[in-house]
PDB file of N, CA and C in Angstrom:
ATOM      1  N   MET A   1       0.592  -1.165   0.328  1.00  0.00           N
ATOM      2  CA  MET A   1       0.253   0.072  -0.352  1.00  0.00           C
ATOM      3  C   MET A   1       0.729   1.322  -0.038  1.00  0.00           C
ATOM      4  N   ARG A   2       0.497   2.586  -0.813  1.00  0.00           N
ATOM      5  CA  ARG A   2       1.421   3.552  -1.010  1.00  0.00           C
ATOM      6  C   ARG A   2       0.191   4.372  -0.312  1.00  0.00           C
ATOM      7  N   GLY A   3       1.006   5.052   0.344  1.00  0.00           N
ATOM      8  CA  GLY A   3       0.756   7.268   0.505  1.00  0.00           C
ATOM      9  C   GLY A   3       1.201   7.882  -0.201  1.00  0.00           C
ATOM     10  N   THR A   4       0.356   8.778  -0.454  1.00  0.00           N
ATOM     11  CA  THR A   4       1.307   9.856  -1.138  1.00  0.00           C
ATOM     12  C   THR A   4       0.751  11.452  -1.167  1.00  0.00           C
ATOM     13  N   VAL A   5       1.769  12.371  -0.110  1.00  0.00           N
ATOM     14  CA  VAL A   5       0.947  13.702   0.248  1.00  0.00           C
ATOM     15  C   VAL A   5       1.420  14.601  -0.787  1.00  0.00           C
ATOM     16  N   THR A   6       0.932  15.416  -1.166  1.00  0.00           N
ATOM     17  CA  THR A   6       1.188  16.333  -2.552  1.00  0.00           C
ATOM     18  C   THR A   6       0.816  17.824  -2.156  1.00  0.00           C
ATOM     19  N   ASP A   7       1.230  18.734  -2.700  1.00  0.00           N
ATOM     20  CA  ASP A   7       0.575  20.021  -2.439  1.00  0.00           C
ATOM     21  C   ASP A   7      -0.491  20.359  -3.603  1.00  0.00           C
ATOM     22  N   GLU A   8      -0.037  21.434  -3.535  1.00  0.00           N
ATOM     23  CA  GLU A   8      -1.208  22.613  -4.563  1.00  0.00           C
ATOM     24  C   GLU A   8      -0.814  22.071  -6.011  1.00  0.00           C
ATOM     25  N   ALA A   9       0.055  22.022  -6.448  1.00  0.00           N
ATOM     26  CA  ALA A   9       1.407  21.930  -7.474  1.00  0.00           C
ATOM     27  C   ALA A   9       1.399  20.628  -8.151  1.00  0.00           C
ATOM     28  N   GLY A  10       1.542  20.072  -7.342  1.00  0.00           N
ATOM     29  CA  GLY A  10       1.466  18.492  -7.049  1.00  0.00           C
ATOM     30  C   GLY A  10       2.686  18.019  -7.518  1.00  0.00           C
ATOM     31  N   ALA A  11       3.423  18.970  -6.559  1.00  0.00           N
ATOM     32  CA  ALA A  11       4.755  18.510  -6.336  1.00  0.00           C
ATOM     33  C   ALA A  11       4.875  18.059  -4.686  1.00  0.00           C
ATOM     34  N   VAL A  12       5.510  16.025  -4.469  1.00  0.00           N
ATOM     35  CA  VAL A  12       5.561  15.315  -4.251  1.00  0.00           C
ATOM     36  C   VAL A  12       5.889  16.006  -2.421  1.00  0.00           C
ATOM     37  N   LEU A  13       5.269  15.987  -1.426  1.00  0.00           N
ATOM     38  CA  LEU A  13       5.709  16.501  -0.086  1.00  0.00           C
ATOM     39  C   LEU A  13       5.906  15.081   0.631  1.00  0.00           C
ATOM     40  N   ALA A  14       5.556  14.055   0.625  1.00  0.00           N
ATOM     41  CA  ALA A  14       6.123  12.815   1.149  1.00  0.00           C
ATOM     42  C   ALA A  14       5.591  11.326   0.385  1.00  0.00           C
ATOM     43  N   THR A  15       5.893  10.279   0.984  1.00  0.00           N
ATOM     44  CA  THR A  15       5.334   9.308   0.226  1.00  0.00           C
ATOM     45  C   THR A  15       6.305   8.399   2.017  1.00  0.00           C
ATOM     46  N   VAL A  16       4.809   7.680   1.745  1.00  0.00           N
ATOM     47  CA  VAL A  16       4.835   5.943   2.775  1.00  0.00           C
ATOM     48  C   VAL A  16       4.665   4.696   2.016  1.00  0.00           C
ATOM     49  N   GLU A  17       5.373   4.195   2.432  1.00  0.00           N
ATOM     50  CA  GLU A  17       4.997   2.386   1.137  1.00  0.00           C
ATOM     51  C   GLU A  17       4.510   1.299   2.684  1.00  0.00           C
ATOM     52  N   ARG A  18       3.203   1.051   2.979  1.00  0.00           N
ATOM     53  CA  ARG A  18       3.631  -0.355   3.748  1.00  0.00           C
ATOM     54  C   ARG A  18       3.337  -1.689   3.141  1.00  0.00           C
ATOM     55  N   GLY A  19       4.420  -2.345   3.306  1.00  0.00           N
ATOM     56  CA  GLY A  19       3.362  -4.106   2.932  1.00  0.00           C
ATOM     57  C   GLY A  19       2.001  -4.625   3.497  1.00  0.00           C
ATOM     58  N   TRP A  20       1.147  -5.027   2.451  1.00  0.00           N
ATOM     59  CA  TRP A  20       0.129  -5.254   3.208  1.00  0.00           C
ATOM     60  C   TRP A  20      -0.518  -6.407   2.444  1.00  0.00           C
ATOM     61  N   THR A  21      -1.636  -7.087   2.946  1.00  0.00           N
ATOM     62  CA  THR A  21      -2.307  -8.634   2.296  1.00  0.00           C
ATOM     63  C   THR A  21      -3.330  -8.331   3.092  1.00  0.00           C
ATOM     64  N   CYS A  22      -4.084  -8.842   1.977  1.00  0.00           N
ATOM     65  CA  CYS A  22      -5.519  -8.969   2.496  1.00  0.00           C
ATOM     66  C   CYS A  22      -5.919 -10.914   1.765  1.00  0.00           C
ATOM     67  N   GLU A  23      -6.474 -11.210   2.618  1.00  0.00           N
ATOM     68  CA  GLU A  23      -7.491 -12.054   2.442  1.00  0.00           C
ATOM     69  C   GLU A  23      -8.150 -12.549   2.152  1.00  0.00           C
ATOM     70  N   GLU A  24      -9.213 -13.892   1.443  1.00  0.00           N
ATOM     71  CA  GLU A  24     -10.433 -13.214   1.266  1.00  0.00           C
ATOM     72  C   GLU A  24     -11.433 -13.183   2.052  1.00  0.00           C
ATOM     73  N   ASP A  25     -11.232 -13.505   2.878  1.00  0.00           N
ATOM     74  CA  ASP A  25     -12.422 -12.573   3.848  1.00  0.00           C
ATOM     75  C   ASP A  25     -12.188 -11.195   4.993  1.00  0.00           C
ATOM     76  N   GLY A  26     -11.083 -11.088   4.761  1.00  0.00           N
ATOM     77  CA  GLY A  26     -10.180 -10.301   5.068  1.00  0.00           C
ATOM     78  C   GLY A  26     -11.136  -8.650   5.025  1.00  0.00           C
ATOM     79  N   TRP A  27     -12.229  -8.082   4.393  1.00  0.00           N
ATOM     80  CA  TRP A  27     -12.361  -7.420   4.735  1.00  0.00           C
ATOM     81  C   TRP A  27     -13.832  -7.469   5.381  1.00  0.00           C
ATOM     82  N   GLU A  28     -13.969  -8.822   5.941  1.00  0.00           N
ATOM     83  CA  GLU A  28     -15.570  -8.679   6.600  1.00  0.00           C
ATOM     84  C   GLU A  28     -15.517  -7.949   7.723  1.00  0.00           C
ATOM     85  N   TRP A  29     -14.214  -7.532   8.652  1.00  0.00           N
ATOM     86  CA  TRP A  29     -14.588  -6.659   9.772  1.00  0.00           C
ATOM     87  C   TRP A  29     -15.271  -5.394   9.107  1.00  0.00           C
ATOM     88  N   VAL A  30     -14.912  -5.015   7.676  1.00  0.00           N
ATOM     89  CA  VAL A  30     -15.086  -3.502   7.236  1.00  0.00           C
ATOM     90  C   VAL A  30     -16.913  -3.903   7.121  1.00  0.00           C
ATOM     91  N   ARG A  31     -17.091  -4.707   6.467  1.00  0.00           N
ATOM     92  CA  ARG A  31     -18.569  -4.959   6.370  1.00  0.00           C
ATOM     93  C   ARG A  31     -19.404  -5.102   7.360  1.00  0.00           C
ATOM     94  N   SER A  32     -18.754  -5.090   8.708  1.00  0.00           N
ATOM     95  CA  SER A  32     -19.541  -5.151  10.009  1.00  0.00           C
ATOM     96  C   SER A  32     -19.587  -3.935  10.966  1.00  0.00           C
ATOM     97  N   LEU A  33     -19.366  -2.976  10.282  1.00  0.00           N
ATOM     98  CA  LEU A  33     -18.950  -0.975  11.082  1.00  0.00           C
ATOM     99  C   LEU A  33     -20.724  -0.895  10.365  1.00  0.00           C
ATOM    100  N   GLY A  34     -20.927  -0.413  11.941  1.00  0.00           N
ATOM    101  CA  GLY A  34     -22.251   0.529  11.598  1.00  0.00           C
ATOM    102  C   GLY A  34     -23.184  -1.065  12.021  1.00  0.00           C
ATOM    103  N   ALA A  35     -23.119  -1.994  12.426  1.00  0.00           N
ATOM    104  CA  ALA A  35     -23.949  -3.045  11.823  1.00  0.00           C
ATOM    105  C   ALA A  35     -24.825  -3.237  13.277  1.00  0.00           C
ATOM    106  N   VAL A  36     -24.494  -1.936  14.085  1.00  0.00           N
ATOM    107  CA  VAL A  36     -25.402  -1.996  15.592  1.00  0.00           C
ATOM    108  C   VAL A  36     -26.607  -2.092  15.877  1.00  0.00           C
ATOM    109  N   GLU A  37     -27.133  -2.024  16.258  1.00  0.00           N
ATOM    110  CA  GLU A  37     -28.983  -1.876  16.180  1.00  0.00           C
ATOM    111  C   GLU A  37     -28.566  -0.768  17.906  1.00  0.00           C
ATOM    112  N   GLY A  38     -29.589   0.814  17.084  1.00  0.00           N
ATOM    113  CA  GLY A  38     -29.799   0.887  19.015  1.00  0.00           C
ATOM    114  C   GLY A  38     -27.704   2.088  18.393  1.00  0.00           C
ATOM    115  N   VAL A  39     -28.370   2.909  19.548  1.00  0.00           N
ATOM    116  CA  VAL A  39     -27.048   4.030  19.815  1.00  0.00           C
ATOM    117  C   VAL A  39     -26.350   3.268  20.629  1.00  0.00           C
ATOM    118  N   LEU A  40     -25.254   3.908  20.348  1.00  0.00           N
ATOM    119  CA  LEU A  40     -24.215   3.174  21.453  1.00  0.00           C
ATOM    120  C   LEU A  40     -23.606   3.992  22.805  1.00  0.00           C
ATOM    121  N   PRO A  41     -23.922   4.081  23.783  1.00  0.00           N
ATOM    122  CA  PRO A  41     -23.305   4.935  24.952  1.00  0.00           C
ATOM    123  C   PRO A  41     -21.725   5.337  24.787  1.00  0.00           C
ATOM    124  N   PRO A  42     -21.429   6.722  25.043  1.00  0.00           N
ATOM    125  CA  PRO A  42     -22.459   7.592  25.534  1.00  0.00           C
ATOM    126  C   PRO A  42     -23.461   8.467  24.868  1.00  0.00           C
ATOM    127  N   TRP A  43     -23.856   8.238  23.680  1.00  0.00           N
ATOM    128  CA  TRP A  43     -24.618   8.837  22.875  1.00  0.00           C
ATOM    129  C   TRP A  43     -26.491   8.190  23.296  1.00  0.00           C
ATOM    130  N   THR A  44     -26.280   9.662  22.858  1.00  0.00           N
ATOM    131  CA  THR A  44     -28.336   9.292  22.911  1.00  0.00           C
ATOM    132  C   THR A  44     -29.212   9.219  21.757  1.00  0.00           C
ATOM    133  N   PRO A  45     -29.530   8.738  21.214  1.00  0.00           N
ATOM    134  CA  PRO A  45     -30.320   9.235  20.418  1.00  0.00           C
ATOM    135  C   PRO A  45     -31.239  10.639  20.228  1.00  0.00           C
ATOM    136  N   VAL A  46     -31.320  10.884  18.273  1.00  0.00           N
ATOM    137  CA  VAL A  46     -32.248  12.113  18.442  1.00  0.00           C
ATOM    138  C   VAL A  46     -33.573  11.747  18.752  1.00  0.00           C
ATOM    139  N   GLN A  47     -34.308  13.034  19.320  1.00  0.00           N
ATOM    140  CA  GLN A  47     -35.688  13.095  20.082  1.00  0.00           C
ATOM    141  C   GLN A  47     -36.200  14.157  18.620  1.00  0.00           C
ATOM    142  N   VAL A  48     -37.085  13.818  18.044  1.00  0.00           N
ATOM    143  CA  VAL A  48     -37.659  14.658  17.353  1.00  0.00           C
ATOM    144  C   VAL A  48     -39.246  14.925  17.456  1.00  0.00           C
ATOM    145  N   GLN A  49     -39.316  16.292  17.792  1.00  0.00           N
ATOM    146  CA  GLN A  49     -40.530  16.787  18.326  1.00  0.00           C
ATOM    147  C   GLN A  49     -41.784  17.973  16.899  1.00  0.00           C
ATOM    148  N   GLY A  50     -42.356  17.505  16.223  1.00  0.00           N
ATOM    149  CA  GLY A  50     -42.841  18.046  15.405  1.00  0.00           C
ATOM    150  C   GLY A  50     -41.026  18.713  14.669  1.00  0.00           C
ATOM    151  N   SER A  51     -41.020  20.175  14.459  1.00  0.00           N
ATOM    152  CA  SER A  51     -39.984  21.039  13.699  1.00  0.00           C
ATOM    153  C   SER A  51     -38.418  20.752  14.510  1.00  0.00           C
ATOM    154  N   VAL A  52     -38.657  20.459  15.194  1.00  0.00           N
ATOM    155  CA  VAL A  52     -37.659  20.048  16.553  1.00  0.00           C
ATOM    156  C   VAL A  52     -36.528  19.583  16.659  1.00  0.00           C
ATOM    157  N   ALA A  53     -35.693  18.813  16.478  1.00  0.00           N
ATOM    158  CA  ALA A  53     -34.573  17.615  16.695  1.00  0.00           C
ATOM    159  C   ALA A  53     -33.953  17.924  18.209  1.00  0.00           C
ATOM    160  N   ARG A  54     -34.075  17.386  18.954  1.00  0.00           N
ATOM    161  CA  ARG A  54     -32.640  17.991  19.997  1.00  0.00           C
ATOM    162  C   ARG A  54     -32.061  16.456  20.304  1.00  0.00           C
ATOM    163  N   CYS A  55     -30.437  16.934  20.536  1.00  0.00           N
ATOM    164  CA  CYS A  55     -30.120  15.697  21.276  1.00  0.00           C
ATOM    165  C   CYS A  55     -28.424  16.417  21.545  1.00  0.00           C
ATOM    166  N   TRP A  56     -28.429  15.730  22.621  1.00  0.00           N
ATOM    167  CA  TRP A  56     -27.145  16.204  23.896  1.00  0.00           C
ATOM    168  C   TRP A  56     -26.736  17.701  23.860  1.00  0.00           C
ATOM    169  N   GLY A  57     -27.970  17.804  24.110  1.00  0.00           N
ATOM    170  CA  GLY A  57     -28.284  19.464  25.175  1.00  0.00           C
ATOM    171  C   GLY A  57     -28.062  20.681  23.906  1.00  0.00           C
ATOM    172  N   ARG A  58     -28.733  20.014  22.584  1.00  0.00           N
ATOM    173  CA  ARG A  58     -28.771  20.903  21.735  1.00  0.00           C
ATOM    174  C   ARG A  58     -30.090  20.569  21.039  1.00  0.00           C
ATOM    175  N   GLU A  59     -30.874  22.169  20.536  1.00  0.00           N
ATOM    176  CA  GLU A  59     -32.069  21.891  20.271  1.00  0.00           C
ATOM    177  C   GLU A  59     -32.104  22.658  18.289  1.00  0.00           C
ATOM    178  N   TYR A  60     -32.269  21.848  17.180  1.00  0.00           N
ATOM    179  CA  TYR A  60     -31.836  22.418  16.320  1.00  0.00           C
ATOM    180  C   TYR A  60     -33.639  22.601  15.926  1.00  0.00           C
ATOM    181  N   ASP A  61     -34.490  24.335  15.133  1.00  0.00           N
ATOM    182  CA  ASP A  61     -35.859  24.395  15.279  1.00  0.00           C
ATOM    183  C   ASP A  61     -35.694  24.608  12.880  1.00  0.00           C
ATOM    184  N   LEU A  62     -35.945  23.182  12.988  1.00  0.00           N
ATOM    185  CA  LEU A  62     -35.533  23.071  11.422  1.00  0.00           C
ATOM    186  C   LEU A  62     -37.014  23.134  10.628  1.00  0.00           C
ATOM    187  N   ASN A  63     -37.945  23.768  10.775  1.00  0.00           N
ATOM    188  CA  ASN A  63     -39.563  24.340  10.101  1.00  0.00           C
ATOM    189  C   ASN A  63     -39.549  25.400   9.202  1.00  0.00           C
ATOM    190  N   GLY A  64     -38.611  24.769   8.433  1.00  0.00           N
ATOM    191  CA  GLY A  64     -38.290  25.477   7.137  1.00  0.00           C
ATOM    192  C   GLY A  64     -36.804  24.676   5.988  1.00  0.00           C
ATOM    193  N   ALA A  65     -36.360  25.267   5.241  1.00  0.00           N
ATOM    194  CA  ALA A  65     -34.903  25.140   4.708  1.00  0.00           C
ATOM    195  C   ALA A  65     -34.277  25.779   5.300  1.00  0.00           C
ATOM    196  N   LEU A  66     -33.788  26.099   5.988  1.00  0.00           N
ATOM    197  CA  LEU A  66     -32.633  26.141   7.099  1.00  0.00           C
ATOM    198  C   LEU A  66     -33.475  26.189   8.267  1.00  0.00           C
ATOM    199  N   PRO A  67     -32.805  26.311   9.271  1.00  0.00           N
ATOM    200  CA  PRO A  67     -32.851  26.283  10.945  1.00  0.00           C
ATOM    201  C   PRO A  67     -32.944  28.076  11.564  1.00  0.00           C
ATOM    202  N   GLN A  68     -34.702  27.437  12.177  1.00  0.00           N
ATOM    203  CA  GLN A  68     -34.836  28.860  12.337  1.00  0.00           C
ATOM    204  C   GLN A  68     -34.688  28.905  13.779  1.00  0.00           C
ATOM    205  N   SER A  69     -33.966  27.905  14.268  1.00  0.00           N
ATOM    206  CA  SER A  69     -33.777  28.563  16.180  1.00  0.00           C
ATOM    207  C   SER A  69     -33.087  27.375  16.152  1.00  0.00           C
ATOM    208  N   ILE A  70     -31.207  27.790  16.831  1.00  0.00           N
ATOM    209  CA  ILE A  70     -30.690  26.532  17.140  1.00  0.00           C
ATOM    210  C   ILE A  70     -29.852  27.247  18.796  1.00  0.00           C
ATOM    211  N   THR A  71     -30.070  26.449  19.733  1.00  0.00           N
ATOM    212  CA  THR A  71     -29.771  26.213  20.958  1.00  0.00           C
ATOM    213  C   THR A  71     -28.783  25.143  21.423  1.00  0.00           C
ATOM    214  N   THR A  72     -27.892  25.314  22.110  1.00  0.00           N
ATOM    215  CA  THR A  72     -26.904  25.014  23.186  1.00  0.00           C
ATOM    216  C   THR A  72     -27.309  24.901  24.536  1.00  0.00           C
ATOM    217  N   GLN A  73     -27.131  24.032  25.192  1.00  0.00           N
ATOM    218  CA  GLN A  73     -27.386  24.008  26.975  1.00  0.00           C
ATOM    219  C   GLN A  73     -28.209  25.605  27.042  1.00  0.00           C
ATOM    220  N   GLY A  74     -29.494  25.630  26.143  1.00  0.00           N
ATOM    221  CA  GLY A  74     -30.864  26.599  26.220  1.00  0.00           C
ATOM    222  C   GLY A  74     -30.038  28.059  26.511  1.00  0.00           C
ATOM    223  N   GLN A  75     -28.909  28.297  25.647  1.00  0.00           N
ATOM    224  CA  GLN A  75     -28.446  29.595  24.922  1.00  0.00           C
ATOM    225  C   GLN A  75     -28.939  29.422  23.257  1.00  0.00           C
ATOM    226  N   GLU A  76     -29.662  30.626  22.810  1.00  0.00           N
ATOM    227  CA  GLU A  76     -30.012  30.630  21.381  1.00  0.00           C
ATOM    228  C   GLU A  76     -28.533  31.199  20.442  1.00  0.00           C
ATOM    229  N   LEU A  77     -28.773  30.425  19.688  1.00  0.00           N
ATOM    230  CA  LEU A  77     -26.961  30.528  18.451  1.00  0.00           C
ATOM    231  C   LEU A  77     -27.215  32.208  18.088  1.00  0.00           C
ATOM    232  N   LEU A  78     -28.345  31.521  17.419  1.00  0.00           N
ATOM    233  CA  LEU A  78     -28.657  32.816  16.584  1.00  0.00           C
ATOM    234  C   LEU A  78     -29.300  34.254  16.722  1.00  0.00           C
ATOM    235  N   SER A  79     -29.091  35.067  16.319  1.00  0.00           N
ATOM    236  CA  SER A  79     -29.863  35.938  16.475  1.00  0.00           C
ATOM    237  C   SER A  79     -31.236  35.838  15.539  1.00  0.00           C
ATOM    238  N   ALA A  80     -31.365  35.607  14.517  1.00  0.00           N
ATOM    239  CA  ALA A  80     -32.487  35.770  13.993  1.00  0.00           C
ATOM    240  C   ALA A  80     -32.687  34.507  13.739  1.00  0.00           C
ATOM    241  N   PRO A  81     -33.333  34.234  12.774  1.00  0.00           N
ATOM    242  CA  PRO A  81     -34.105  32.872  11.748  1.00  0.00           C
ATOM    243  C   PRO A  81     -32.915  32.929  10.891  1.00  0.00           C
ATOM    244  N   MET A  82     -32.453  31.778   9.776  1.00  0.00           N
ATOM    245  CA  MET A  82     -31.423  32.488   9.300  1.00  0.00           C
ATOM    246  C   MET A  82     -32.546  32.389   7.927  1.00  0.00           C
ATOM    247  N   THR A  83     -31.707  33.271   6.511  1.00  0.00           N
ATOM    248  CA  THR A  83     -32.176  33.527   5.499  1.00  0.00           C
ATOM    249  C   THR A  83     -31.339  32.607   4.358  1.00  0.00           C
ATOM    250  N   LEU A  84     -31.562  32.756   3.063  1.00  0.00           N
ATOM    251  CA  LEU A  84     -31.070  32.862   1.827  1.00  0.00           C
ATOM    252  C   LEU A  84     -31.275  33.904   1.120  1.00  0.00           C
ATOM    253  N   THR A  85     -30.249  34.889   0.831  1.00  0.00           N
ATOM    254  CA  THR A  85     -30.418  36.263  -0.130  1.00  0.00           C
ATOM    255  C   THR A  85     -29.681  35.937  -1.228  1.00  0.00           C
ATOM    256  N   ALA A  86     -29.899  36.664  -2.525  1.00  0.00           N
ATOM    257  CA  ALA A  86     -29.004  36.648  -3.698  1.00  0.00           C
ATOM    258  C   ALA A  86     -28.990  38.186  -4.250  1.00  0.00           C
ATOM    259  N   ARG A  87     -28.145  38.938  -4.420  1.00  0.00           N
ATOM    260  CA  ARG A  87     -28.172  39.899  -4.899  1.00  0.00           C
ATOM    261  C   ARG A  87     -28.517  39.623  -6.634  1.00  0.00           C
ATOM    262  N   VAL A  88     -29.618  40.323  -7.335  1.00  0.00           N
ATOM    263  CA  VAL A  88     -30.413  39.798  -8.555  1.00  0.00           C
ATOM    264  C   VAL A  88     -30.306  41.208  -9.331  1.00  0.00           C
ATOM    265  N   GLY A  89     -29.616  41.587  -9.967  1.00  0.00           N
ATOM    266  CA  GLY A  89     -29.973  43.035 -10.230  1.00  0.00           C
ATOM    267  C   GLY A  89     -30.224  44.049  -9.670  1.00  0.00           C
ATOM    268  N   GLY A  90     -29.006  43.904  -9.222  1.00  0.00           N
ATOM    269  CA  GLY A  90     -28.973  44.863  -7.900  1.00  0.00           C
ATOM    270  C   GLY A  90     -29.461  45.072  -7.035  1.00  0.00           C
ATOM    271  N   GLU A  91     -30.738  44.180  -6.985  1.00  0.00           N
ATOM    272  CA  GLU A  91     -31.650  44.360  -5.332  1.00  0.00           C
ATOM    273  C   GLU A  91     -31.695  42.840  -4.825  1.00  0.00           C
ATOM    274  N   ASP A  92     -31.617  42.777  -3.610  1.00  0.00           N
ATOM    275  CA  ASP A  92     -31.699  41.616  -2.875  1.00  0.00           C
ATOM    276  C   ASP A  92     -32.545  40.898  -2.898  1.00  0.00           C
ATOM    277  N   VAL A  93     -32.559  39.635  -2.975  1.00  0.00           N
ATOM    278  CA  VAL A  93     -34.243  38.888  -3.821  1.00  0.00           C
ATOM    279  C   VAL A  93     -33.759  37.295  -2.779  1.00  0.00           C
ATOM    280  N   ASP A  94     -35.011  37.383  -1.649  1.00  0.00           N
ATOM    281  CA  ASP A  94     -34.829  36.183  -0.356  1.00  0.00           C
ATOM    282  C   ASP A  94     -35.290  34.545  -1.273  1.00  0.00           C
ATOM    283  N   LEU A  95     -34.878  34.050  -0.998  1.00  0.00           N
ATOM    284  CA  LEU A  95     -34.693  32.530  -1.956  1.00  0.00           C
ATOM    285  C   LEU A  95     -35.450  31.842  -1.262  1.00  0.00           C
ATOM    286  N   ILE A  96     -35.573  31.566  -0.038  1.00  0.00           N
ATOM    287  CA  ILE A  96     -36.383  31.016   0.431  1.00  0.00           C
ATOM    288  C   ILE A  96     -38.029  31.079   0.583  1.00  0.00           C
ATOM    289  N   GLY A  97     -38.566  30.134   0.589  1.00  0.00           N
ATOM    290  CA  GLY A  97     -40.247  30.366   0.100  1.00  0.00           C
ATOM    291  C   GLY A  97     -40.446  30.353  -1.568  1.00  0.00           C
ATOM    292  N   ARG A  98     -39.572  31.149  -2.322  1.00  0.00           N
ATOM    293  CA  ARG A  98     -39.999  31.223  -3.102  1.00  0.00           C
ATOM    294  C   ARG A  98     -40.048  29.803  -4.547  1.00  0.00           C
ATOM    295  N   GLU A  99     -40.645  30.412  -5.791  1.00  0.00           N
ATOM    296  CA  GLU A  99     -40.495  29.960  -6.833  1.00  0.00           C
ATOM    297  C   GLU A  99     -39.348  30.181  -7.830  1.00  0.00           C
ATOM    298  N   ALA A 100     -38.738  28.998  -8.157  1.00  0.00           N
ATOM    299  CA  ALA A 100     -37.686  28.583  -9.002  1.00  0.00           C
ATOM    300  C   ALA A 100     -38.276  30.115 -10.102  1.00  0.00           C
ATOM    301  N   GLN A 101     -37.605  30.580 -11.013  1.00  0.00           N
ATOM    302  CA  GLN A 101     -37.665  31.502 -12.862  1.00  0.00           C
ATOM    303  C   GLN A 101     -37.119  31.310 -13.034  1.00  0.00           C
TER     304      GLN A 101
END
């Protein structure tokens, strides 16, 4: 197996080679990853009520295309609901909730 690190211009900065063999069933451990039913401790399942998802002390209000509210440990992180606006012909146009033209 060989790994090569290059910079943006493609010049090689480092190369590492290691011998490795894989027996016929050598990938079985990979196929079994994520095969556990449920959520493993210490994590807890995401709780959803209406448009609000809660997990690990965080709350996400996803009522719309973008979050309306994000709180962590009871503290609001957004000063206002998220919006998506584009400048078209020198004028701001709200892109959420509009039909594509």
